[in-house]
Amino acid sequence: MIGAFHGSCHCGAVRFRCEIDLTQPTSRCNCSMCTKTRLWKTMAQPGSFAFEHGEDAVATYRFAGQRVEHRFCGRCGVKLGGHGAKGEHFPTDFDVVSIACLDDMSDDVKAGLAVVYQDGRHDDWAHVPPNAGSI
């Protein structure tokens, strides 16, 4: 089931919209960035992510393999998600959205979302990392 959602940062400087397949699991990753920001993410449907306001307030950061552009509000610092390019582990370009930034996703829907754990720390996307529950 595809749902359309709107999201924003804490201060409201950045607003976006996206479509999410609610039947697909969300994810938590153990890479250094996701661990430090406690990111709980989901993939936006291809071509559905769009900034509605404040794209000029978005700050970006890349690290390690430089494949993923992590997006933050440059004013309040909230992590919005990111954008990644097609590569070895990713068959297409993609947009990742922080579940915490989705303003119109109810707590009941969030509570029902499945979560998978990813071993981004070792670039091993096919296996659950050790101690996944601590992510």
N, C-alpha and C. Protein backbone atom coordinates (compact mmCIF):
# COMPACT_ATOMS: atom_id res chain seq x y z
N MET A 1 0.85 -1.18 0.00
CA MET A 1 0.00 0.00 0.00
C MET A 1 0.90 1.25 0.00
N ILE A 2 0.72 2.09 -0.99
CA ILE A 2 1.50 3.32 -1.11
C ILE A 2 0.75 4.45 -0.40
N GLY A 3 1.48 5.18 0.44
CA GLY A 3 0.90 6.32 1.14
C GLY A 3 1.67 7.59 0.80
N ALA A 4 0.97 8.69 0.68
CA ALA A 4 1.60 10.00 0.44
C ALA A 4 1.75 10.70 1.78
N PHE A 5 2.94 11.25 2.02
CA PHE A 5 3.22 11.90 3.29
C PHE A 5 3.95 13.22 3.09
N HIS A 6 3.81 14.06 4.10
CA HIS A 6 4.53 15.33 4.14
C HIS A 6 5.45 15.30 5.35
N GLY A 7 6.59 15.95 5.23
CA GLY A 7 7.53 15.97 6.33
C GLY A 7 8.20 17.32 6.45
N SER A 8 8.87 17.51 7.57
CA SER A 8 9.58 18.77 7.80
C SER A 8 10.66 18.58 8.84
N CYS A 9 11.50 19.59 8.95
CA CYS A 9 12.50 19.63 10.01
C CYS A 9 11.83 20.20 11.27
N HIS A 10 12.59 20.38 12.32
CA HIS A 10 12.03 20.89 13.58
C HIS A 10 11.58 22.34 13.48
N CYS A 11 12.39 23.19 12.85
CA CYS A 11 12.07 24.62 12.80
C CYS A 11 11.09 24.98 11.68
N GLY A 12 10.81 24.05 10.78
CA GLY A 12 9.87 24.29 9.69
C GLY A 12 10.47 24.96 8.48
N ALA A 13 11.77 25.19 8.49
CA ALA A 13 12.41 25.83 7.33
C ALA A 13 12.38 24.95 6.09
N VAL A 14 12.39 23.63 6.29
CA VAL A 14 12.39 22.68 5.18
C VAL A 14 11.13 21.82 5.27
N ARG A 15 10.43 21.73 4.14
CA ARG A 15 9.26 20.87 4.04
C ARG A 15 9.37 20.05 2.76
N PHE A 16 8.91 18.82 2.83
CA PHE A 16 8.98 17.94 1.65
C PHE A 16 7.76 17.04 1.60
N ARG A 17 7.62 16.37 0.48
CA ARG A 17 6.56 15.36 0.32
C ARG A 17 7.19 14.13 -0.31
N CYS A 18 6.57 12.99 -0.09
CA CYS A 18 7.07 11.75 -0.67
C CYS A 18 5.97 10.69 -0.60
N GLU A 19 6.19 9.63 -1.33
CA GLU A 19 5.31 8.47 -1.27
C GLU A 19 6.12 7.31 -0.73
N ILE A 20 5.49 6.52 0.14
CA ILE A 20 6.17 5.41 0.80
C ILE A 20 5.32 4.16 0.66
N ASP A 21 5.98 3.05 0.38
CA ASP A 21 5.29 1.76 0.34
C ASP A 21 5.26 1.22 1.77
N LEU A 22 4.10 1.28 2.38
CA LEU A 22 3.96 0.89 3.78
C LEU A 22 4.08 -0.62 4.00
N THR A 23 4.09 -1.40 2.92
CA THR A 23 4.27 -2.84 3.06
C THR A 23 5.75 -3.22 3.12
N GLN A 24 6.62 -2.29 2.79
CA GLN A 24 8.07 -2.56 2.81
C GLN A 24 8.64 -2.20 4.18
N PRO A 25 9.62 -2.97 4.65
CA PRO A 25 10.18 -2.65 5.96
C PRO A 25 10.98 -1.35 5.95
N THR A 26 10.99 -0.71 7.10
CA THR A 26 11.86 0.44 7.33
C THR A 26 13.21 -0.13 7.76
N SER A 27 14.19 0.74 8.01
CA SER A 27 15.48 0.19 8.39
C SER A 27 16.23 1.06 9.39
N ARG A 28 17.10 0.38 10.10
CA ARG A 28 18.04 1.00 11.03
C ARG A 28 19.41 0.47 10.62
N CYS A 29 20.39 1.34 10.55
CA CYS A 29 21.73 0.98 10.07
C CYS A 29 22.74 1.25 11.19
N ASN A 30 23.81 0.49 11.19
CA ASN A 30 24.84 0.67 12.21
C ASN A 30 26.07 1.43 11.72
N CYS A 31 25.98 2.10 10.57
CA CYS A 31 27.13 2.91 10.14
C CYS A 31 27.31 4.05 11.14
N SER A 32 28.44 4.69 11.11
CA SER A 32 28.73 5.73 12.10
C SER A 32 27.72 6.88 12.03
N MET A 33 27.28 7.27 10.84
CA MET A 33 26.33 8.38 10.71
C MET A 33 24.95 8.00 11.26
N CYS A 34 24.42 6.87 10.84
CA CYS A 34 23.09 6.47 11.31
C CYS A 34 23.09 6.18 12.80
N THR A 35 24.19 5.63 13.31
CA THR A 35 24.27 5.36 14.74
C THR A 35 24.25 6.66 15.54
N LYS A 36 25.03 7.63 15.13
CA LYS A 36 25.11 8.88 15.88
C LYS A 36 23.83 9.72 15.76
N THR A 37 23.14 9.64 14.64
CA THR A 37 21.91 10.42 14.47
C THR A 37 20.65 9.62 14.82
N ARG A 38 20.83 8.33 15.18
CA ARG A 38 19.71 7.45 15.54
C ARG A 38 18.66 7.40 14.42
N LEU A 39 19.14 7.39 13.19
CA LEU A 39 18.24 7.45 12.04
C LEU A 39 17.42 6.17 11.89
N TRP A 40 16.12 6.34 11.78
CA TRP A 40 15.17 5.28 11.43
C TRP A 40 14.61 5.73 10.10
N LYS A 41 14.84 4.95 9.06
CA LYS A 41 14.55 5.45 7.72
C LYS A 41 13.68 4.51 6.90
N THR A 42 13.17 5.10 5.83
CA THR A 42 12.43 4.35 4.83
C THR A 42 12.78 4.91 3.46
N MET A 43 12.53 4.12 2.46
CA MET A 43 12.80 4.56 1.09
C MET A 43 11.56 5.24 0.52
N ALA A 44 11.77 6.38 -0.10
CA ALA A 44 10.68 7.02 -0.84
C ALA A 44 10.52 6.28 -2.16
N GLN A 45 9.32 6.25 -2.65
CA GLN A 45 9.08 5.64 -3.96
C GLN A 45 9.86 6.43 -5.02
N PRO A 46 10.42 5.75 -6.01
CA PRO A 46 11.21 6.44 -7.04
C PRO A 46 10.46 7.62 -7.65
N GLY A 47 11.13 8.76 -7.68
CA GLY A 47 10.58 9.97 -8.28
C GLY A 47 9.56 10.70 -7.44
N SER A 48 9.26 10.21 -6.24
CA SER A 48 8.19 10.83 -5.45
C SER A 48 8.69 11.87 -4.45
N PHE A 49 9.98 11.86 -4.10
CA PHE A 49 10.47 12.80 -3.11
C PHE A 49 10.65 14.18 -3.75
N ALA A 50 10.11 15.20 -3.10
CA ALA A 50 10.26 16.57 -3.61
C ALA A 50 10.23 17.55 -2.44
N PHE A 51 11.12 18.52 -2.48
CA PHE A 51 11.07 19.59 -1.50
C PHE A 51 9.91 20.51 -1.86
N GLU A 52 9.13 20.89 -0.88
CA GLU A 52 8.03 21.84 -1.09
C GLU A 52 8.44 23.24 -0.69
N HIS A 53 9.38 23.34 0.25
CA HIS A 53 9.82 24.64 0.75
C HIS A 53 11.18 24.47 1.41
N GLY A 54 12.04 25.44 1.22
CA GLY A 54 13.28 25.50 1.98
C GLY A 54 14.43 24.67 1.49
N GLU A 55 14.42 24.26 0.24
CA GLU A 55 15.54 23.47 -0.27
C GLU A 55 16.86 24.23 -0.09
N ASP A 56 16.79 25.57 -0.12
CA ASP A 56 18.00 26.38 0.08
C ASP A 56 18.53 26.29 1.52
N ALA A 57 17.72 25.79 2.45
CA ALA A 57 18.16 25.63 3.85
C ALA A 57 18.76 24.26 4.11
N VAL A 58 18.75 23.39 3.11
CA VAL A 58 19.26 22.02 3.29
C VAL A 58 20.79 22.02 3.20
N ALA A 59 21.39 21.43 4.21
CA ALA A 59 22.84 21.20 4.22
C ALA A 59 23.07 19.73 3.92
N THR A 60 24.18 19.42 3.27
CA THR A 60 24.48 18.03 2.94
C THR A 60 25.85 17.63 3.46
N TYR A 61 26.02 16.34 3.62
CA TYR A 61 27.28 15.79 4.11
C TYR A 61 27.48 14.42 3.49
N ARG A 62 28.68 14.16 3.01
CA ARG A 62 29.05 12.85 2.47
C ARG A 62 30.28 12.37 3.23
N PHE A 63 30.39 11.06 3.41
CA PHE A 63 31.57 10.51 4.06
C PHE A 63 31.87 9.14 3.47
N ALA A 64 32.95 8.56 3.88
CA ALA A 64 33.38 7.22 3.46
C ALA A 64 33.33 7.10 1.93
N GLY A 65 32.46 6.26 1.41
CA GLY A 65 32.39 6.01 -0.02
C GLY A 65 31.77 7.13 -0.83
N GLN A 66 31.29 8.18 -0.19
CA GLN A 66 30.70 9.35 -0.86
C GLN A 66 29.45 9.02 -1.67
N ARG A 67 28.86 7.83 -1.47
CA ARG A 67 27.71 7.42 -2.27
C ARG A 67 26.40 8.06 -1.82
N VAL A 68 26.31 8.38 -0.54
CA VAL A 68 25.06 8.91 -0.02
C VAL A 68 25.24 10.36 0.42
N GLU A 69 24.33 11.20 -0.05
CA GLU A 69 24.29 12.60 0.37
C GLU A 69 23.32 12.67 1.54
N HIS A 70 23.85 12.83 2.75
CA HIS A 70 23.02 12.95 3.94
C HIS A 70 22.49 14.38 3.99
N ARG A 71 21.19 14.53 4.23
CA ARG A 71 20.56 15.85 4.21
C ARG A 71 20.10 16.26 5.60
N PHE A 72 20.41 17.51 5.95
CA PHE A 72 20.07 18.09 7.24
C PHE A 72 19.48 19.48 7.02
N CYS A 73 18.68 19.94 7.95
CA CYS A 73 18.29 21.34 7.93
C CYS A 73 19.49 22.14 8.42
N GLY A 74 19.92 23.11 7.65
CA GLY A 74 21.05 23.95 8.01
C GLY A 74 20.76 24.91 9.15
N ARG A 75 19.49 25.04 9.53
CA ARG A 75 19.12 25.95 10.62
C ARG A 75 18.97 25.20 11.94
N CYS A 76 18.16 24.15 11.98
CA CYS A 76 17.91 23.46 13.25
C CYS A 76 18.72 22.17 13.39
N GLY A 77 19.31 21.67 12.30
CA GLY A 77 20.17 20.50 12.37
C GLY A 77 19.48 19.16 12.26
N VAL A 78 18.17 19.11 12.10
CA VAL A 78 17.46 17.83 12.03
C VAL A 78 17.84 17.09 10.74
N LYS A 79 18.12 15.79 10.89
CA LYS A 79 18.44 14.96 9.73
C LYS A 79 17.14 14.58 9.03
N LEU A 80 17.06 14.95 7.76
CA LEU A 80 15.86 14.72 6.96
C LEU A 80 15.87 13.37 6.27
N GLY A 81 17.05 12.87 5.98
CA GLY A 81 17.22 11.62 5.23
C GLY A 81 18.42 11.77 4.33
N GLY A 82 18.27 11.36 3.08
CA GLY A 82 19.39 11.46 2.17
C GLY A 82 19.04 11.05 0.76
N HIS A 83 20.03 11.18 -0.09
CA HIS A 83 19.90 10.79 -1.50
C HIS A 83 21.12 9.97 -1.87
N GLY A 84 20.89 8.86 -2.52
CA GLY A 84 21.99 8.00 -2.93
C GLY A 84 21.96 7.74 -4.42
N ALA A 85 23.13 7.45 -4.95
CA ALA A 85 23.26 7.18 -6.37
C ALA A 85 23.41 5.69 -6.62
N LYS A 86 22.98 5.29 -7.78
CA LYS A 86 23.11 3.91 -8.23
C LYS A 86 24.56 3.47 -8.03
N GLY A 87 24.72 2.25 -7.57
CA GLY A 87 26.07 1.74 -7.35
C GLY A 87 26.05 0.24 -7.11
N GLU A 88 27.16 -0.25 -6.60
CA GLU A 88 27.34 -1.69 -6.40
C GLU A 88 26.21 -2.32 -5.58
N HIS A 89 25.83 -1.70 -4.49
CA HIS A 89 24.80 -2.25 -3.61
C HIS A 89 23.41 -1.66 -3.87
N PHE A 90 23.32 -0.67 -4.74
CA PHE A 90 22.07 0.03 -4.97
C PHE A 90 21.76 0.03 -6.46
N PRO A 91 20.71 -0.68 -6.89
CA PRO A 91 20.43 -0.82 -8.33
C PRO A 91 19.94 0.46 -9.01
N THR A 92 19.43 1.42 -8.23
CA THR A 92 18.94 2.67 -8.80
C THR A 92 19.27 3.82 -7.85
N ASP A 93 19.14 5.04 -8.33
CA ASP A 93 19.21 6.20 -7.44
C ASP A 93 18.06 6.07 -6.44
N PHE A 94 18.22 6.66 -5.26
CA PHE A 94 17.18 6.51 -4.25
C PHE A 94 17.16 7.71 -3.30
N ASP A 95 16.00 7.90 -2.67
CA ASP A 95 15.84 8.89 -1.63
C ASP A 95 15.42 8.17 -0.36
N VAL A 96 16.08 8.53 0.73
CA VAL A 96 15.79 7.97 2.04
C VAL A 96 15.15 9.07 2.88
N VAL A 97 14.13 8.71 3.64
CA VAL A 97 13.40 9.68 4.45
C VAL A 97 13.44 9.24 5.92
N SER A 98 13.69 10.18 6.81
CA SER A 98 13.64 9.91 8.24
C SER A 98 12.19 9.78 8.67
N ILE A 99 11.85 8.65 9.27
CA ILE A 99 10.49 8.43 9.77
C ILE A 99 10.10 9.54 10.75
N ALA A 100 11.06 9.98 11.55
CA ALA A 100 10.77 11.01 12.57
C ALA A 100 10.34 12.34 11.95
N CYS A 101 10.67 12.58 10.70
CA CYS A 101 10.33 13.85 10.05
C CYS A 101 8.97 13.83 9.37
N LEU A 102 8.31 12.68 9.33
CA LEU A 102 7.01 12.58 8.65
C LEU A 102 5.91 13.11 9.55
N ASP A 103 5.42 14.29 9.23
CA ASP A 103 4.46 15.00 10.07
C ASP A 103 3.07 14.37 10.09
N ASP A 104 2.66 13.78 8.98
CA ASP A 104 1.30 13.28 8.91
C ASP A 104 1.22 11.75 8.94
N MET A 105 2.27 11.10 9.40
CA MET A 105 2.21 9.66 9.64
C MET A 105 1.87 9.47 11.12
N SER A 106 0.76 8.84 11.38
CA SER A 106 0.31 8.69 12.77
C SER A 106 1.23 7.78 13.57
N ASP A 107 1.19 7.93 14.87
CA ASP A 107 1.97 7.07 15.75
C ASP A 107 1.54 5.62 15.61
N ASP A 108 0.26 5.38 15.36
CA ASP A 108 -0.22 4.01 15.18
C ASP A 108 0.39 3.38 13.93
N VAL A 109 0.49 4.15 12.85
CA VAL A 109 1.11 3.63 11.62
C VAL A 109 2.59 3.37 11.89
N LYS A 110 3.27 4.33 12.53
CA LYS A 110 4.70 4.14 12.83
C LYS A 110 4.92 2.89 13.67
N ALA A 111 4.06 2.65 14.66
CA ALA A 111 4.21 1.49 15.53
C ALA A 111 4.06 0.17 14.77
N GLY A 112 3.33 0.19 13.67
CA GLY A 112 3.11 -1.02 12.89
C GLY A 112 4.13 -1.27 11.80
N LEU A 113 5.08 -0.37 11.62
CA LEU A 113 6.07 -0.53 10.56
C LEU A 113 7.11 -1.60 10.93
N ALA A 114 7.38 -2.47 10.00
CA ALA A 114 8.44 -3.47 10.20
C ALA A 114 9.80 -2.79 10.10
N VAL A 115 10.77 -3.31 10.84
CA VAL A 115 12.12 -2.75 10.83
C VAL A 115 13.12 -3.86 10.51
N VAL A 116 14.02 -3.59 9.58
CA VAL A 116 15.15 -4.48 9.32
C VAL A 116 16.42 -3.74 9.74
N TYR A 117 17.43 -4.50 10.09
CA TYR A 117 18.69 -3.92 10.53
C TYR A 117 19.76 -4.16 9.47
N GLN A 118 20.54 -3.13 9.19
CA GLN A 118 21.54 -3.18 8.12
C GLN A 118 22.94 -2.99 8.69
N ASP A 119 23.89 -3.71 8.13
CA ASP A 119 25.28 -3.61 8.57
C ASP A 119 26.06 -2.67 7.65
N GLY A 120 25.70 -1.39 7.73
CA GLY A 120 26.40 -0.38 6.94
C GLY A 120 27.82 -0.16 7.40
N ARG A 121 28.09 -0.43 8.67
CA ARG A 121 29.45 -0.26 9.21
C ARG A 121 30.46 -1.09 8.43
N HIS A 122 30.01 -2.27 7.96
CA HIS A 122 30.91 -3.15 7.22
C HIS A 122 30.54 -3.23 5.73
N ASP A 123 29.65 -2.34 5.29
CA ASP A 123 29.18 -2.32 3.91
C ASP A 123 28.66 -3.70 3.50
N ASP A 124 27.99 -4.36 4.45
CA ASP A 124 27.44 -5.70 4.25
C ASP A 124 25.93 -5.61 4.37
N TRP A 125 25.29 -5.21 3.29
CA TRP A 125 23.86 -4.94 3.30
C TRP A 125 23.01 -6.20 3.28
N ALA A 126 23.63 -7.36 3.05
CA ALA A 126 22.90 -8.61 2.95
C ALA A 126 22.72 -9.32 4.29
N HIS A 127 23.39 -8.83 5.34
CA HIS A 127 23.33 -9.53 6.63
C HIS A 127 22.97 -8.57 7.76
N VAL A 128 22.28 -9.09 8.73
CA VAL A 128 21.95 -8.33 9.94
C VAL A 128 23.22 -8.20 10.76
N PRO A 129 23.51 -7.02 11.27
CA PRO A 129 24.73 -6.86 12.06
C PRO A 129 24.61 -7.52 13.43
N PRO A 130 25.76 -7.85 14.03
CA PRO A 130 25.70 -8.35 15.40
C PRO A 130 25.14 -7.28 16.32
N ASN A 131 24.45 -7.67 17.34
CA ASN A 131 23.87 -6.73 18.32
C ASN A 131 22.90 -5.74 17.66
N ALA A 132 22.10 -6.22 16.71
CA ALA A 132 21.18 -5.35 15.96
C ALA A 132 20.23 -4.59 16.86
N GLY A 133 19.81 -5.16 17.96
CA GLY A 133 18.86 -4.51 18.84
C GLY A 133 19.39 -3.24 19.49
N SER A 134 20.70 -3.03 19.45
CA SER A 134 21.27 -1.84 20.06
C SER A 134 21.35 -0.67 19.09
N ILE A 135 20.97 -0.90 17.85
CA ILE A 135 21.04 0.17 16.84
C ILE A 135 19.95 1.18 17.09
